[in-house]
Amino acid sequence: MYLSRPTFSFTQNSIQDEIGSILNKARKNNPELEITGCLMFTNKCFLQVLEGPPEKVQTIFEQISADPRHH
């Protein structure tokens, strides 16, 4: 589980577009990686829980950590 803050400007449309992009990619890639979880956005923060084989969770977490859309 991790908590992060977005680095992009907020408008209703921008946050919906960004979250939509994140979810589309996750829905495409996560089943093959045996990853499940939950992504929440509230109060200008992301909270995500990742579940799956530890080595695969670590790999995806490293990719997420490098994403410039949040810190």
C-alpha atoms as a PDB file:
ATOM      1  CA  MET A   1       0.000   0.000   0.000  1.00  0.00           C
ATOM      2  CA  TYR A   2       1.217   3.499  -0.710  1.00  0.00           C
ATOM      3  CA  LEU A   3       0.003   7.078  -0.541  1.00  0.00           C
ATOM      4  CA  SER A   4       1.101   9.747  -3.016  1.00  0.00           C
ATOM      5  CA  ARG A   5       0.199  13.204  -4.254  1.00  0.00           C
ATOM      6  CA  PRO A   6      -0.339  14.048  -7.916  1.00  0.00           C
ATOM      7  CA  THR A   7       2.022  16.413  -9.686  1.00  0.00           C
ATOM      8  CA  PHE A   8      -0.512  17.657 -12.258  1.00  0.00           C
ATOM      9  CA  SER A   9      -2.997  20.504 -11.969  1.00  0.00           C
ATOM     10  CA  PHE A  10      -6.489  19.675 -10.809  1.00  0.00           C
ATOM     11  CA  THR A  11      -9.681  20.112 -12.674  1.00  0.00           C
ATOM     12  CA  GLN A  12     -12.563  17.674 -12.647  1.00  0.00           C
ATOM     13  CA  ASN A  13     -11.728  16.662 -16.212  1.00  0.00           C
ATOM     14  CA  SER A  14      -7.985  16.325 -15.676  1.00  0.00           C
ATOM     15  CA  ILE A  15      -8.323  14.038 -12.675  1.00  0.00           C
ATOM     16  CA  GLN A  16     -10.915  11.891 -14.463  1.00  0.00           C
ATOM     17  CA  ASP A  17      -8.657  11.666 -17.528  1.00  0.00           C
ATOM     18  CA  GLU A  18      -5.583  10.735 -15.484  1.00  0.00           C
ATOM     19  CA  ILE A  19      -7.367   8.151 -13.351  1.00  0.00           C
ATOM     20  CA  GLY A  20      -9.032   6.744 -16.460  1.00  0.00           C
ATOM     21  CA  SER A  21      -5.623   6.351 -18.091  1.00  0.00           C
ATOM     22  CA  ILE A  22      -4.198   4.633 -15.006  1.00  0.00           C
ATOM     23  CA  LEU A  23      -7.160   2.269 -14.719  1.00  0.00           C
ATOM     24  CA  ASN A  24      -7.136   1.356 -18.419  1.00  0.00           C
ATOM     25  CA  LYS A  25      -3.469   0.412 -18.254  1.00  0.00           C
ATOM     26  CA  ALA A  26      -3.947  -1.559 -15.033  1.00  0.00           C
ATOM     27  CA  ARG A  27      -6.952  -3.441 -16.390  1.00  0.00           C
ATOM     28  CA  LYS A  28      -4.924  -4.412 -19.441  1.00  0.00           C
ATOM     29  CA  ASN A  29      -1.665  -5.418 -17.706  1.00  0.00           C
ATOM     30  CA  ASN A  30      -2.510  -6.578 -14.184  1.00  0.00           C
ATOM     31  CA  PRO A  31      -4.304  -9.868 -14.939  1.00  0.00           C
ATOM     32  CA  GLU A  32      -1.240 -11.200 -16.772  1.00  0.00           C
ATOM     33  CA  LEU A  33       0.913 -10.177 -13.800  1.00  0.00           C
ATOM     34  CA  GLU A  34      -1.531 -11.754 -11.308  1.00  0.00           C
ATOM     35  CA  ILE A  35      -1.920  -8.334  -9.656  1.00  0.00           C
ATOM     36  CA  THR A  36      -5.136  -7.110  -8.071  1.00  0.00           C
ATOM     37  CA  GLY A  37      -5.809  -4.183  -5.795  1.00  0.00           C
ATOM     38  CA  CYS A  38      -7.644  -0.968  -5.232  1.00  0.00           C
ATOM     39  CA  LEU A  39      -6.915   2.616  -6.308  1.00  0.00           C
ATOM     40  CA  MET A  40      -8.575   5.491  -4.492  1.00  0.00           C
ATOM     41  CA  PHE A  41      -8.314   9.219  -5.022  1.00  0.00           C
ATOM     42  CA  THR A  42      -9.567  11.558  -2.360  1.00  0.00           C
ATOM     43  CA  ASN A  43      -8.565  14.828  -0.808  1.00  0.00           C
ATOM     44  CA  LYS A  44      -5.932  15.336  -3.522  1.00  0.00           C
ATOM     45  CA  CYS A  45      -4.136  12.071  -2.666  1.00  0.00           C
ATOM     46  CA  PHE A  46      -3.838   8.655  -4.249  1.00  0.00           C
ATOM     47  CA  LEU A  47      -4.020   5.574  -2.078  1.00  0.00           C
ATOM     48  CA  GLN A  48      -3.354   2.233  -3.702  1.00  0.00           C
ATOM     49  CA  VAL A  49      -3.272  -1.302  -2.384  1.00  0.00           C
ATOM     50  CA  LEU A  50      -1.568  -3.914  -4.555  1.00  0.00           C
ATOM     51  CA  GLU A  51      -1.995  -7.671  -4.095  1.00  0.00           C
ATOM     52  CA  GLY A  52      -0.257 -10.551  -5.802  1.00  0.00           C
ATOM     53  CA  PRO A  53       2.992 -12.500  -5.827  1.00  0.00           C
ATOM     54  CA  PRO A  54       5.549 -10.444  -3.855  1.00  0.00           C
ATOM     55  CA  GLU A  55       8.122 -10.243  -6.659  1.00  0.00           C
ATOM     56  CA  LYS A  56       5.487  -9.037  -9.130  1.00  0.00           C
ATOM     57  CA  VAL A  57       4.056  -6.525  -6.654  1.00  0.00           C
ATOM     58  CA  GLN A  58       7.577  -5.186  -6.096  1.00  0.00           C
ATOM     59  CA  THR A  59       8.159  -4.853  -9.849  1.00  0.00           C
ATOM     60  CA  ILE A  60       4.899  -2.994 -10.467  1.00  0.00           C
ATOM     61  CA  PHE A  61       5.487  -0.802  -7.395  1.00  0.00           C
ATOM     62  CA  GLU A  62       8.880   0.227  -8.784  1.00  0.00           C
ATOM     63  CA  GLN A  63       7.219   1.165 -12.084  1.00  0.00           C
ATOM     64  CA  ILE A  64       4.500   3.120 -10.266  1.00  0.00           C
ATOM     65  CA  SER A  65       7.116   4.896  -8.141  1.00  0.00           C
ATOM     66  CA  ALA A  66       8.876   6.123 -11.286  1.00  0.00           C
ATOM     67  CA  ASP A  67       5.655   7.585 -12.759  1.00  0.00           C
ATOM     68  CA  PRO A  68       6.080  11.390 -12.923  1.00  0.00           C
ATOM     69  CA  ARG A  69       2.330  11.989 -12.433  1.00  0.00           C
ATOM     70  CA  HIS A  70       2.741  11.667  -8.658  1.00  0.00           C
ATOM     71  CA  HIS A  71       5.277  11.737  -5.835  1.00  0.00           C
END
